[in-house]
C-alpha cells in the first residue's frame, strides 16, 4: 500500500512544514532571506539539539 508523500515547498506555512516528511526546497538567495526560511532553519537546529 502506498503512503502519501507529505511534503512542504518553499513558501508553505510552518504548520505544513512541521507535518511534512520531506521538505522540497530550493535554496535560492531570495528564499534564504525570508523570515519563513529563518524560522524553519531555527526549528531544525533546535530539534537537532534535543536529539
Foldseek 3Di string as FASTA:
>chain_A
DDDDQQEAEQPDAPVSHVPGPYYDYDPDPVSCPDPRVVVVVVVVVVVVVVD
